[in-house]
Protein backbone atom coordinates (compact mmCIF):
# COMPACT_ATOMS: atom_id res chain seq x y z
CA UNK A 1 117.66 88.26 141.01
CA UNK A 2 116.92 87.17 137.90
CA UNK A 3 118.15 83.75 137.97
CA UNK A 4 115.43 82.95 140.40
CA UNK A 5 112.90 85.22 139.91
CA UNK A 6 112.77 85.61 135.27
CA UNK A 7 115.02 81.90 134.03
CA UNK A 8 113.54 79.39 136.70
CA UNK A 9 110.18 80.69 135.18
CA UNK A 10 111.67 80.69 131.36
CA UNK A 11 112.62 76.80 132.12
CA UNK A 12 109.50 76.20 133.19
CA UNK A 13 107.59 77.59 130.52
CA UNK A 14 109.49 75.48 127.90
CA UNK A 15 109.07 72.28 129.98
CA UNK A 16 105.42 72.19 130.81
CA UNK A 17 104.01 72.13 127.28
CA UNK A 18 105.82 69.19 126.26
CA UNK A 19 102.85 67.19 129.38
CA UNK A 20 100.54 65.73 127.87
CA UNK A 21 97.00 68.32 129.26
CA UNK A 22 98.16 71.61 129.55
CA UNK A 23 98.91 72.39 133.45
CA UNK A 24 97.80 74.80 135.34
CA UNK A 25 100.67 77.13 136.92
CA UNK A 26 100.15 79.71 139.95
CA UNK A 27 102.71 82.95 139.47
CA UNK A 28 103.90 84.73 142.80
CA UNK A 29 104.18 87.98 141.71
CA UNK A 30 104.46 90.51 143.75
CA UNK A 31 102.43 94.16 144.21
CA UNK A 32 106.06 95.96 143.59
CA UNK A 33 105.75 94.55 139.21
CA UNK A 34 102.79 98.05 139.59
CA UNK A 35 105.29 99.86 141.26
CA UNK A 36 104.46 103.00 144.01
CA UNK A 37 100.76 103.96 143.69
CA UNK A 38 99.89 107.36 141.85
CA UNK A 39 96.87 108.55 144.16
CA UNK A 40 95.25 107.48 146.85
CA UNK A 41 92.99 105.23 145.97
CA UNK A 42 92.95 101.79 145.27
CA UNK A 43 95.87 100.24 142.60
CA UNK A 44 93.60 97.35 140.63
CA UNK A 45 93.87 94.50 137.35
CA UNK A 46 94.81 97.28 135.08
CA UNK A 47 96.86 99.77 136.08
CA UNK A 48 100.01 99.84 134.12
CA UNK A 49 103.83 97.67 135.42
CA UNK A 50 105.80 100.34 135.95
CA UNK A 51 108.25 98.91 138.50
CA UNK A 52 110.89 100.80 140.37
CA UNK A 53 113.47 97.89 142.29
CA UNK A 54 114.90 95.06 140.77
CA UNK A 55 112.59 92.53 142.70
CA UNK A 56 110.12 94.38 141.20
CA UNK A 57 110.84 94.48 137.51
CA UNK A 58 112.55 91.08 137.18
CA UNK A 59 108.86 89.97 138.87
CA UNK A 60 107.03 91.81 136.62
CA UNK A 61 109.35 89.73 133.82
CA UNK A 62 107.80 86.69 135.07
CA UNK A 63 103.87 87.75 135.20
CA UNK A 64 104.40 88.95 131.85
CA UNK A 65 105.99 85.58 130.16
CA UNK A 66 103.26 83.67 131.90
CA UNK A 67 100.13 85.10 131.14
CA UNK A 68 102.44 85.40 128.02
CA UNK A 69 102.18 81.97 127.91
CA UNK A 70 98.63 81.33 128.80
CA UNK A 71 97.60 83.67 126.21
CA UNK A 72 99.48 81.46 123.54
CA UNK A 73 97.11 78.08 124.73
CA UNK A 74 100.15 76.53 126.38
CA UNK A 75 99.13 76.57 129.54
CA UNK A 76 96.44 77.56 132.04
CA UNK A 77 97.44 80.95 133.97
CA UNK A 78 97.01 82.95 136.91
CA UNK A 79 98.92 85.54 138.63
CA UNK A 80 98.73 86.68 142.12
CA UNK A 81 100.64 89.83 143.02
CA UNK A 82 101.16 89.60 147.06
CA UNK A 83 101.10 92.52 148.58
CA UNK A 84 103.94 93.77 151.15
CA UNK A 85 102.49 91.92 154.57
CA UNK A 86 103.90 94.06 157.43
CA UNK A 87 104.49 97.40 154.75
CA UNK A 88 108.79 99.26 153.36
CA UNK A 89 110.63 100.68 156.71
CA UNK A 90 110.11 98.23 159.32
CA UNK A 91 113.13 97.65 161.02
CA UNK A 92 115.35 93.98 160.44
CA UNK A 93 115.08 91.98 163.56
CA UNK A 94 111.28 93.82 164.21
CA UNK A 95 109.34 90.60 163.37
CA UNK A 96 110.30 87.08 164.19
CA UNK A 97 109.40 85.89 160.31
CA UNK A 98 112.22 87.14 158.64
CA UNK A 99 114.32 84.10 158.59
CA UNK A 100 113.79 81.12 157.57
CA UNK A 101 116.67 79.98 159.82
CA UNK A 102 115.52 81.17 162.74
CA UNK A 103 111.62 79.29 162.69
CA UNK A 104 112.67 76.12 164.57
CA UNK A 105 114.91 77.67 167.44
CA UNK A 106 110.58 79.22 168.54
CA UNK A 107 108.26 76.51 170.26
CA UNK A 108 104.71 76.59 169.20
CA UNK A 109 103.83 77.11 172.84
CA UNK A 110 106.72 79.53 172.86
CA UNK A 111 105.16 83.34 172.37
CA UNK A 112 107.11 84.59 169.37
CA UNK A 113 108.09 88.69 169.28
CA UNK A 114 105.39 91.18 167.75
CA UNK A 115 106.22 92.95 164.53
CA UNK A 116 107.51 95.77 165.67
CA UNK A 117 108.46 95.01 169.37
CA UNK A 118 111.22 96.16 170.55
CA UNK A 119 114.37 94.27 171.47
């Protein structure tokens, strides 16, 4: 996980400053960088990062590296921390979008199973 989430971003951050103009980078982060909510209110950008999973920790490391490079003037950057689109606890086969390998089996006109539908 660290290889894809951190090492790849670190390598990118070493080559992007070599470009003639500072590039713009959009880092796709995750809401998991914040960890579980501390109360009933919304989680905002001002919240401290408290990731509890390996995924959240590696994405947070990558996001912080990107933001650090932006603070140093190496590039312009934005981190977009994406939330869960369907929620935790969803049964694995419940959503057709779960596996890109299955996408070609669905024709544009064929009905797609909805998330949470019975098997």
